Amino acid sequence: MALQWVPDDPDSIEVRLNQATLAYLRKSWPNPVNLSPTRLGSEFSPEAKAFVRIVQTLIDDGMLSVEFFLIGTGDEPTARDAILTRKGVASTIRS
C-alpha cells in the first residue's frame, strides 16, 4: 500500500513529503520531471532518507516510473524523468 493512504498523522514529515511528491507529479503530468526533496520545497531538503523511502514505495507499488534513481551521487537523491503511471494518476484523482 502506498504512503498516500496513511491517514494517521497529517503533521508527519513523511506524510507531508508524500503528499507533496504526489501533488508535484500530478501537476507535471504527463511530462516527466526530475524529482528531489528540494524541488518539493525547502522544508523537505533535509529529508533525504524519507524521500528515498517514499519514491521507492511508489515505484514498488507501480504508481511511479523513473528513468533512474540517483542516491549518494550528488547533494541529494534525485529521481530522473519521474512520471506517474496510469495507476498513480488514477489513485491521485481518487485521493
PDB file of N, CA and C in Angstrom:
ATOM      1  N   MET A   1       0.848  -1.174   0.000  1.00  0.00           N
ATOM      2  CA  MET A   1       0.000   0.000   0.000  1.00  0.00           C
ATOM      3  C   MET A   1       0.892   1.234   0.000  1.00  0.00           C
ATOM      4  N   ALA A   2       0.622   2.178  -0.844  1.00  0.00           N
ATOM      5  CA  ALA A   2       1.416   3.394  -0.950  1.00  0.00           C
ATOM      6  C   ALA A   2       1.157   4.321   0.232  1.00  0.00           C
ATOM      7  N   LEU A   3       2.098   5.164   0.501  1.00  0.00           N
ATOM      8  CA  LEU A   3       2.028   6.023   1.672  1.00  0.00           C
ATOM      9  C   LEU A   3       0.909   7.047   1.641  1.00  0.00           C
ATOM     10  N   GLN A   4       0.379   7.396   0.476  1.00  0.00           N
ATOM     11  CA  GLN A   4      -0.661   8.422   0.449  1.00  0.00           C
ATOM     12  C   GLN A   4      -1.943   7.976   1.127  1.00  0.00           C
ATOM     13  N   TRP A   5      -2.066   6.689   1.420  1.00  0.00           N
ATOM     14  CA  TRP A   5      -3.272   6.213   2.092  1.00  0.00           C
ATOM     15  C   TRP A   5      -3.103   6.142   3.609  1.00  0.00           C
ATOM     16  N   VAL A   6      -1.973   6.597   4.121  1.00  0.00           N
ATOM     17  CA  VAL A   6      -1.720   6.557   5.553  1.00  0.00           C
ATOM     18  C   VAL A   6      -2.317   7.815   6.179  1.00  0.00           C
ATOM     19  N   PRO A   7      -3.464   7.694   6.868  1.00  0.00           N
ATOM     20  CA  PRO A   7      -4.143   8.864   7.405  1.00  0.00           C
ATOM     21  C   PRO A   7      -3.738   9.216   8.825  1.00  0.00           C
ATOM     22  N   ASP A   8      -2.832   8.433   9.435  1.00  0.00           N
ATOM     23  CA  ASP A   8      -2.570   8.529  10.866  1.00  0.00           C
ATOM     24  C   ASP A   8      -2.168   9.918  11.349  1.00  0.00           C
ATOM     25  N   ASP A   9      -1.143  10.507  10.785  1.00  0.00           N
ATOM     26  CA  ASP A   9      -0.613  11.751  11.320  1.00  0.00           C
ATOM     27  C   ASP A   9      -0.367  12.749  10.195  1.00  0.00           C
ATOM     28  N   PRO A  10      -1.322  13.635   9.928  1.00  0.00           N
ATOM     29  CA  PRO A  10      -1.157  14.595   8.832  1.00  0.00           C
ATOM     30  C   PRO A  10      -0.013  15.571   9.068  1.00  0.00           C
ATOM     31  N   ASP A  11       0.493  15.656  10.296  1.00  0.00           N
ATOM     32  CA  ASP A  11       1.623  16.535  10.589  1.00  0.00           C
ATOM     33  C   ASP A  11       2.970  15.843  10.420  1.00  0.00           C
ATOM     34  N   SER A  12       2.953  14.535  10.175  1.00  0.00           N
ATOM     35  CA  SER A  12       4.181  13.776   9.985  1.00  0.00           C
ATOM     36  C   SER A  12       4.906  14.284   8.746  1.00  0.00           C
ATOM     37  N   ILE A  13       6.232  14.414   8.853  1.00  0.00           N
ATOM     38  CA  ILE A  13       7.027  14.889   7.716  1.00  0.00           C
ATOM     39  C   ILE A  13       6.922  13.914   6.550  1.00  0.00           C
ATOM     40  N   GLU A  14       6.839  12.610   6.834  1.00  0.00           N
ATOM     41  CA  GLU A  14       6.739  11.639   5.745  1.00  0.00           C
ATOM     42  C   GLU A  14       5.401  11.751   5.022  1.00  0.00           C
ATOM     43  N   VAL A  15       4.323  11.953   5.758  1.00  0.00           N
ATOM     44  CA  VAL A  15       3.010  12.100   5.125  1.00  0.00           C
ATOM     45  C   VAL A  15       2.987  13.376   4.270  1.00  0.00           C
ATOM     46  N   ARG A  16       3.507  14.471   4.817  1.00  0.00           N
ATOM     47  CA  ARG A  16       3.530  15.733   4.055  1.00  0.00           C
ATOM     48  C   ARG A  16       4.445  15.630   2.843  1.00  0.00           C
ATOM     49  N   LEU A  17       5.590  14.973   2.995  1.00  0.00           N
ATOM     50  CA  LEU A  17       6.506  14.786   1.870  1.00  0.00           C
ATOM     51  C   LEU A  17       5.871  13.918   0.801  1.00  0.00           C
ATOM     52  N   ASN A  18       5.179  12.872   1.202  1.00  0.00           N
ATOM     53  CA  ASN A  18       4.491  12.005   0.254  1.00  0.00           C
ATOM     54  C   ASN A  18       3.402  12.781  -0.500  1.00  0.00           C
ATOM     55  N   GLN A  19       2.629  13.570   0.218  1.00  0.00           N
ATOM     56  CA  GLN A  19       1.579  14.365  -0.420  1.00  0.00           C
ATOM     57  C   GLN A  19       2.181  15.396  -1.381  1.00  0.00           C
ATOM     58  N   ALA A  20       3.283  16.019  -0.980  1.00  0.00           N
ATOM     59  CA  ALA A  20       3.952  16.990  -1.856  1.00  0.00           C
ATOM     60  C   ALA A  20       4.500  16.314  -3.108  1.00  0.00           C
ATOM     61  N   THR A  21       5.037  15.102  -2.951  1.00  0.00           N
ATOM     62  CA  THR A  21       5.565  14.350  -4.096  1.00  0.00           C
ATOM     63  C   THR A  21       4.450  14.047  -5.089  1.00  0.00           C
ATOM     64  N   LEU A  22       3.345  13.520  -4.600  1.00  0.00           N
ATOM     65  CA  LEU A  22       2.225  13.181  -5.485  1.00  0.00           C
ATOM     66  C   LEU A  22       1.619  14.429  -6.126  1.00  0.00           C
ATOM     67  N   ALA A  23       1.498  15.513  -5.386  1.00  0.00           N
ATOM     68  CA  ALA A  23       0.948  16.751  -5.942  1.00  0.00           C
ATOM     69  C   ALA A  23       1.864  17.307  -7.029  1.00  0.00           C
ATOM     70  N   TYR A  24       3.172  17.284  -6.803  1.00  0.00           N
ATOM     71  CA  TYR A  24       4.142  17.774  -7.784  1.00  0.00           C
ATOM     72  C   TYR A  24       4.083  16.939  -9.063  1.00  0.00           C
ATOM     73  N   LEU A  25       4.030  15.623  -8.897  1.00  0.00           N
ATOM     74  CA  LEU A  25       3.962  14.739 -10.063  1.00  0.00           C
ATOM     75  C   LEU A  25       2.641  14.894 -10.801  1.00  0.00           C
ATOM     76  N   ARG A  26       1.558  15.041 -10.072  1.00  0.00           N
ATOM     77  CA  ARG A  26       0.233  15.193 -10.696  1.00  0.00           C
ATOM     78  C   ARG A  26       0.157  16.496 -11.482  1.00  0.00           C
ATOM     79  N   LYS A  27       0.727  17.563 -10.904  1.00  0.00           N
ATOM     80  CA  LYS A  27       0.723  18.867 -11.575  1.00  0.00           C
ATOM     81  C   LYS A  27       1.560  18.826 -12.868  1.00  0.00           C
ATOM     82  N   SER A  28       2.624  18.043 -12.854  1.00  0.00           N
ATOM     83  CA  SER A  28       3.523  17.958 -14.013  1.00  0.00           C
ATOM     84  C   SER A  28       3.047  16.975 -15.072  1.00  0.00           C
ATOM     85  N   TRP A  29       2.148  16.077 -14.695  1.00  0.00           N
ATOM     86  CA  TRP A  29       1.724  15.002 -15.581  1.00  0.00           C
ATOM     87  C   TRP A  29       1.076  15.568 -16.838  1.00  0.00           C
ATOM     88  N   PRO A  30       1.363  15.074 -18.022  1.00  0.00           N
ATOM     89  CA  PRO A  30       2.074  13.852 -18.388  1.00  0.00           C
ATOM     90  C   PRO A  30       3.556  14.056 -18.698  1.00  0.00           C
ATOM     91  N   ASN A  31       4.132  15.150 -18.277  1.00  0.00           N
ATOM     92  CA  ASN A  31       5.549  15.400 -18.554  1.00  0.00           C
ATOM     93  C   ASN A  31       6.423  14.839 -17.439  1.00  0.00           C
ATOM     94  N   PRO A  32       7.481  14.112 -17.798  1.00  0.00           N
ATOM     95  CA  PRO A  32       8.396  13.614 -16.772  1.00  0.00           C
ATOM     96  C   PRO A  32       9.182  14.774 -16.161  1.00  0.00           C
ATOM     97  N   VAL A  33       9.550  14.619 -14.901  1.00  0.00           N
ATOM     98  CA  VAL A  33      10.293  15.656 -14.179  1.00  0.00           C
ATOM     99  C   VAL A  33      11.443  15.016 -13.407  1.00  0.00           C
ATOM    100  N   ASN A  34      12.433  15.832 -13.086  1.00  0.00           N
ATOM    101  CA  ASN A  34      13.477  15.405 -12.162  1.00  0.00           C
ATOM    102  C   ASN A  34      12.979  15.742 -10.769  1.00  0.00           C
ATOM    103  N   LEU A  35      12.908  14.752  -9.935  1.00  0.00           N
ATOM    104  CA  LEU A  35      12.282  14.873  -8.634  1.00  0.00           C
ATOM    105  C   LEU A  35      13.332  14.742  -7.535  1.00  0.00           C
ATOM    106  N   SER A  36      13.364  15.707  -6.610  1.00  0.00           N
ATOM    107  CA  SER A  36      14.271  15.678  -5.470  1.00  0.00           C
ATOM    108  C   SER A  36      13.589  16.373  -4.301  1.00  0.00           C
ATOM    109  N   PRO A  37      14.093  16.168  -3.093  1.00  0.00           N
ATOM    110  CA  PRO A  37      13.459  16.824  -1.945  1.00  0.00           C
ATOM    111  C   PRO A  37      13.397  18.352  -2.082  1.00  0.00           C
ATOM    112  N   THR A  38      14.452  18.965  -2.572  1.00  0.00           N
ATOM    113  CA  THR A  38      14.488  20.422  -2.707  1.00  0.00           C
ATOM    114  C   THR A  38      13.455  20.926  -3.702  1.00  0.00           C
ATOM    115  N   ARG A  39      13.220  20.182  -4.770  1.00  0.00           N
ATOM    116  CA  ARG A  39      12.210  20.600  -5.755  1.00  0.00           C
ATOM    117  C   ARG A  39      10.807  20.608  -5.161  1.00  0.00           C
ATOM    118  N   LEU A  40      10.605  19.827  -4.100  1.00  0.00           N
ATOM    119  CA  LEU A  40       9.299  19.756  -3.460  1.00  0.00           C
ATOM    120  C   LEU A  40       9.094  20.880  -2.455  1.00  0.00           C
ATOM    121  N   GLY A  41      10.158  21.547  -2.074  1.00  0.00           N
ATOM    122  CA  GLY A  41      10.076  22.661  -1.138  1.00  0.00           C
ATOM    123  C   GLY A  41      11.250  22.652  -0.179  1.00  0.00           C
ATOM    124  N   SER A  42      11.666  23.827   0.247  1.00  0.00           N
ATOM    125  CA  SER A  42      12.847  23.928   1.111  1.00  0.00           C
ATOM    126  C   SER A  42      12.668  23.192   2.437  1.00  0.00           C
ATOM    127  N   GLU A  43      11.432  23.047   2.900  1.00  0.00           N
ATOM    128  CA  GLU A  43      11.203  22.326   4.159  1.00  0.00           C
ATOM    129  C   GLU A  43      11.573  20.853   4.050  1.00  0.00           C
ATOM    130  N   PHE A  44      11.636  20.327   2.823  1.00  0.00           N
ATOM    131  CA  PHE A  44      11.927  18.907   2.625  1.00  0.00           C
ATOM    132  C   PHE A  44      13.390  18.628   2.301  1.00  0.00           C
ATOM    133  N   SER A  45      14.205  19.659   2.120  1.00  0.00           N
ATOM    134  CA  SER A  45      15.587  19.433   1.696  1.00  0.00           C
ATOM    135  C   SER A  45      16.402  18.552   2.639  1.00  0.00           C
ATOM    136  N   PRO A  46      16.184  18.585   3.966  1.00  0.00           N
ATOM    137  CA  PRO A  46      16.965  17.664   4.811  1.00  0.00           C
ATOM    138  C   PRO A  46      16.367  16.259   4.927  1.00  0.00           C
ATOM    139  N   GLU A  47      15.307  15.974   4.209  1.00  0.00           N
ATOM    140  CA  GLU A  47      14.580  14.707   4.370  1.00  0.00           C
ATOM    141  C   GLU A  47      14.953  13.664   3.315  1.00  0.00           C
ATOM    142  N   ALA A  48      16.239  13.491   3.062  1.00  0.00           N
ATOM    143  CA  ALA A  48      16.683  12.574   2.009  1.00  0.00           C
ATOM    144  C   ALA A  48      16.247  11.129   2.261  1.00  0.00           C
ATOM    145  N   LYS A  49      16.375  10.642   3.486  1.00  0.00           N
ATOM    146  CA  LYS A  49      16.015   9.243   3.769  1.00  0.00           C
ATOM    147  C   LYS A  49      14.516   9.010   3.578  1.00  0.00           C
ATOM    148  N   ALA A  50      13.705   9.936   4.054  1.00  0.00           N
ATOM    149  CA  ALA A  50      12.251   9.809   3.879  1.00  0.00           C
ATOM    150  C   ALA A  50      11.895   9.875   2.399  1.00  0.00           C
ATOM    151  N   PHE A  51      12.544  10.754   1.653  1.00  0.00           N
ATOM    152  CA  PHE A  51      12.292  10.884   0.221  1.00  0.00           C
ATOM    153  C   PHE A  51      12.606   9.571  -0.496  1.00  0.00           C
ATOM    154  N   VAL A  52      13.736   8.963  -0.167  1.00  0.00           N
ATOM    155  CA  VAL A  52      14.114   7.685  -0.794  1.00  0.00           C
ATOM    156  C   VAL A  52      13.065   6.623  -0.492  1.00  0.00           C
ATOM    157  N   ARG A  53      12.609   6.533   0.759  1.00  0.00           N
ATOM    158  CA  ARG A  53      11.578   5.537   1.124  1.00  0.00           C
ATOM    159  C   ARG A  53      10.287   5.772   0.346  1.00  0.00           C
ATOM    160  N   ILE A  54       9.887   7.021   0.224  1.00  0.00           N
ATOM    161  CA  ILE A  54       8.637   7.348  -0.470  1.00  0.00           C
ATOM    162  C   ILE A  54       8.729   7.026  -1.951  1.00  0.00           C
ATOM    163  N   VAL A  55       9.800   7.451  -2.599  1.00  0.00           N
ATOM    164  CA  VAL A  55       9.957   7.178  -4.033  1.00  0.00           C
ATOM    165  C   VAL A  55      10.031   5.674  -4.271  1.00  0.00           C
ATOM    166  N   GLN A  56      10.785   4.957  -3.445  1.00  0.00           N
ATOM    167  CA  GLN A  56      10.895   3.512  -3.624  1.00  0.00           C
ATOM    168  C   GLN A  56       9.548   2.822  -3.432  1.00  0.00           C
ATOM    169  N   THR A  57       8.771   3.274  -2.458  1.00  0.00           N
ATOM    170  CA  THR A  57       7.441   2.701  -2.234  1.00  0.00           C
ATOM    171  C   THR A  57       6.529   2.951  -3.425  1.00  0.00           C
ATOM    172  N   LEU A  58       6.552   4.168  -3.950  1.00  0.00           N
ATOM    173  CA  LEU A  58       5.708   4.494  -5.115  1.00  0.00           C
ATOM    174  C   LEU A  58       6.110   3.666  -6.332  1.00  0.00           C
ATOM    175  N   ILE A  59       7.409   3.456  -6.518  1.00  0.00           N
ATOM    176  CA  ILE A  59       7.880   2.613  -7.628  1.00  0.00           C
ATOM    177  C   ILE A  59       7.425   1.170  -7.402  1.00  0.00           C
ATOM    178  N   ASP A  60       7.645   0.657  -6.200  1.00  0.00           N
ATOM    179  CA  ASP A  60       7.273  -0.734  -5.879  1.00  0.00           C
ATOM    180  C   ASP A  60       5.776  -0.965  -6.039  1.00  0.00           C
ATOM    181  N   ASP A  61       4.972   0.043  -5.731  1.00  0.00           N
ATOM    182  CA  ASP A  61       3.513  -0.080  -5.837  1.00  0.00           C
ATOM    183  C   ASP A  61       3.006   0.154  -7.261  1.00  0.00           C
ATOM    184  N   GLY A  62       3.918   0.410  -8.198  1.00  0.00           N
ATOM    185  CA  GLY A  62       3.517   0.597  -9.589  1.00  0.00           C
ATOM    186  C   GLY A  62       2.870   1.944  -9.871  1.00  0.00           C
ATOM    187  N   MET A  63       3.097   2.902  -8.994  1.00  0.00           N
ATOM    188  CA  MET A  63       2.488   4.224  -9.174  1.00  0.00           C
ATOM    189  C   MET A  63       3.430   5.238  -9.810  1.00  0.00           C
ATOM    190  N   LEU A  64       4.716   4.931  -9.833  1.00  0.00           N
ATOM    191  CA  LEU A  64       5.718   5.861 -10.326  1.00  0.00           C
ATOM    192  C   LEU A  64       6.709   5.131 -11.208  1.00  0.00           C
ATOM    193  N   SER A  65       7.059   5.773 -12.288  1.00  0.00           N
ATOM    194  CA  SER A  65       8.090   5.256 -13.173  1.00  0.00           C
ATOM    195  C   SER A  65       9.210   6.289 -13.232  1.00  0.00           C
ATOM    196  N   VAL A  66      10.454   5.824 -13.173  1.00  0.00           N
ATOM    197  CA  VAL A  66      11.601   6.729 -13.279  1.00  0.00           C
ATOM    198  C   VAL A  66      12.594   6.147 -14.272  1.00  0.00           C
ATOM    199  N   GLU A  67      13.311   7.038 -14.938  1.00  0.00           N
ATOM    200  CA  GLU A  67      14.375   6.586 -15.839  1.00  0.00           C
ATOM    201  C   GLU A  67      15.503   5.981 -14.999  1.00  0.00           C
ATOM    202  N   PHE A  68      15.933   6.699 -13.973  1.00  0.00           N
ATOM    203  CA  PHE A  68      16.861   6.162 -12.993  1.00  0.00           C
ATOM    204  C   PHE A  68      16.777   6.965 -11.706  1.00  0.00           C
ATOM    205  N   PHE A  69      17.213   6.346 -10.615  1.00  0.00           N
ATOM    206  CA  PHE A  69      17.113   6.914  -9.283  1.00  0.00           C
ATOM    207  C   PHE A  69      18.531   7.035  -8.728  1.00  0.00           C
ATOM    208  N   LEU A  70      19.000   8.257  -8.579  1.00  0.00           N
ATOM    209  CA  LEU A  70      20.357   8.510  -8.113  1.00  0.00           C
ATOM    210  C   LEU A  70      20.356   8.730  -6.603  1.00  0.00           C
ATOM    211  N   ILE A  71      21.093   7.902  -5.907  1.00  0.00           N
ATOM    212  CA  ILE A  71      21.203   8.013  -4.457  1.00  0.00           C
ATOM    213  C   ILE A  71      22.684   8.020  -4.105  1.00  0.00           C
ATOM    214  N   GLY A  72      23.123   9.043  -3.381  1.00  0.00           N
ATOM    215  CA  GLY A  72      24.514   9.117  -2.951  1.00  0.00           C
ATOM    216  C   GLY A  72      25.488   9.601  -4.007  1.00  0.00           C
ATOM    217  N   THR A  73      24.990  10.142  -5.093  1.00  0.00           N
ATOM    218  CA  THR A  73      25.890  10.603  -6.156  1.00  0.00           C
ATOM    219  C   THR A  73      25.942  12.117  -6.268  1.00  0.00           C
ATOM    220  N   GLY A  74      25.138  12.816  -5.518  1.00  0.00           N
ATOM    221  CA  GLY A  74      25.115  14.275  -5.561  1.00  0.00           C
ATOM    222  C   GLY A  74      24.729  14.816  -4.203  1.00  0.00           C
ATOM    223  N   ASP A  75      24.255  16.036  -4.189  1.00  0.00           N
ATOM    224  CA  ASP A  75      23.865  16.673  -2.936  1.00  0.00           C
ATOM    225  C   ASP A  75      22.638  16.040  -2.306  1.00  0.00           C
ATOM    226  N   GLU A  76      21.759  15.481  -3.124  1.00  0.00           N
ATOM    227  CA  GLU A  76      20.535  14.868  -2.620  1.00  0.00           C
ATOM    228  C   GLU A  76      20.062  13.804  -3.603  1.00  0.00           C
ATOM    229  N   PRO A  77      19.230  12.878  -3.138  1.00  0.00           N
ATOM    230  CA  PRO A  77      18.711  11.859  -4.052  1.00  0.00           C
ATOM    231  C   PRO A  77      17.829  12.510  -5.116  1.00  0.00           C
ATOM    232  N   THR A  78      17.900  11.954  -6.327  1.00  0.00           N
ATOM    233  CA  THR A  78      17.126  12.500  -7.441  1.00  0.00           C
ATOM    234  C   THR A  78      16.551  11.369  -8.272  1.00  0.00           C
ATOM    235  N   ALA A  79      15.258  11.448  -8.526  1.00  0.00           N
ATOM    236  CA  ALA A  79      14.590  10.513  -9.436  1.00  0.00           C
ATOM    237  C   ALA A  79      14.496  11.224 -10.781  1.00  0.00           C
ATOM    238  N   ARG A  80      15.245  10.768 -11.752  1.00  0.00           N
ATOM    239  CA  ARG A  80      15.289  11.408 -13.067  1.00  0.00           C
ATOM    240  C   ARG A  80      14.140  10.923 -13.942  1.00  0.00           C
ATOM    241  N   ASP A  81      13.540  11.861 -14.640  1.00  0.00           N
ATOM    242  CA  ASP A  81      12.419  11.587 -15.546  1.00  0.00           C
ATOM    243  C   ASP A  81      11.319  10.793 -14.842  1.00  0.00           C
ATOM    244  N   ALA A  82      10.937  11.279 -13.662  1.00  0.00           N
ATOM    245  CA  ALA A  82       9.868  10.644 -12.886  1.00  0.00           C
ATOM    246  C   ALA A  82       8.515  11.028 -13.466  1.00  0.00           C
ATOM    247  N   ILE A  83       7.627  10.045 -13.549  1.00  0.00           N
ATOM    248  CA  ILE A  83       6.279  10.293 -14.063  1.00  0.00           C
ATOM    249  C   ILE A  83       5.313   9.307 -13.410  1.00  0.00           C
ATOM    250  N   LEU A  84       4.144   9.789 -13.095  1.00  0.00           N
ATOM    251  CA  LEU A  84       3.115   8.901 -12.555  1.00  0.00           C
ATOM    252  C   LEU A  84       2.687   7.907 -13.625  1.00  0.00           C
ATOM    253  N   THR A  85       2.468   6.674 -13.237  1.00  0.00           N
ATOM    254  CA  THR A  85       1.913   5.671 -14.140  1.00  0.00           C
ATOM    255  C   THR A  85       0.401   5.876 -14.208  1.00  0.00           C
ATOM    256  N   ARG A  86      -0.271   5.107 -15.040  1.00  0.00           N
ATOM    257  CA  ARG A  86      -1.744   5.186 -15.083  1.00  0.00           C
ATOM    258  C   ARG A  86      -2.344   4.896 -13.709  1.00  0.00           C
ATOM    259  N   LYS A  87      -1.794   3.903 -13.029  1.00  0.00           N
ATOM    260  CA  LYS A  87      -2.263   3.561 -11.689  1.00  0.00           C
ATOM    261  C   LYS A  87      -2.049   4.735 -10.733  1.00  0.00           C
ATOM    262  N   GLY A  88      -0.911   5.398 -10.837  1.00  0.00           N
ATOM    263  CA  GLY A  88      -0.614   6.551  -9.995  1.00  0.00           C
ATOM    264  C   GLY A  88      -1.542   7.708 -10.261  1.00  0.00           C
ATOM    265  N   VAL A  89      -1.837   7.971 -11.518  1.00  0.00           N
ATOM    266  CA  VAL A  89      -2.764   9.053 -11.869  1.00  0.00           C
ATOM    267  C   VAL A  89      -4.148   8.734 -11.325  1.00  0.00           C
ATOM    268  N   ALA A  90      -4.593   7.498 -11.518  1.00  0.00           N
ATOM    269  CA  ALA A  90      -5.914   7.103 -11.036  1.00  0.00           C
ATOM    270  C   ALA A  90      -6.027   7.238  -9.518  1.00  0.00           C
ATOM    271  N   SER A  91      -4.980   6.886  -8.802  1.00  0.00           N
ATOM    272  CA  SER A  91      -5.053   6.961  -7.339  1.00  0.00           C
ATOM    273  C   SER A  91      -4.979   8.408  -6.845  1.00  0.00           C
ATOM    274  N   THR A  92      -4.312   9.289  -7.565  1.00  0.00           N
ATOM    275  CA  THR A  92      -4.263  10.684  -7.126  1.00  0.00           C
ATOM    276  C   THR A  92      -5.565  11.397  -7.411  1.00  0.00           C
ATOM    277  N   ILE A  93      -6.325  10.919  -8.381  1.00  0.00           N
ATOM    278  CA  ILE A  93      -7.650  11.501  -8.671  1.00  0.00           C
ATOM    279  C   ILE A  93      -8.607  11.112  -7.563  1.00  0.00           C
ATOM    280  N   ARG A  94      -8.519   9.864  -7.075  1.00  0.00           N
ATOM    281  CA  ARG A  94      -9.413   9.388  -6.005  1.00  0.00           C
ATOM    282  C   ARG A  94      -9.114  10.029  -4.664  1.00  0.00           C
ATOM    283  N   SER A  95      -7.840  10.342  -4.404  1.00  0.00           N
ATOM    284  CA  SER A  95      -7.491  10.834  -3.072  1.00  0.00           C
ATOM    285  C   SER A  95      -7.648  12.320  -2.931  1.00  0.00           C
TER     286      SER A  95
END
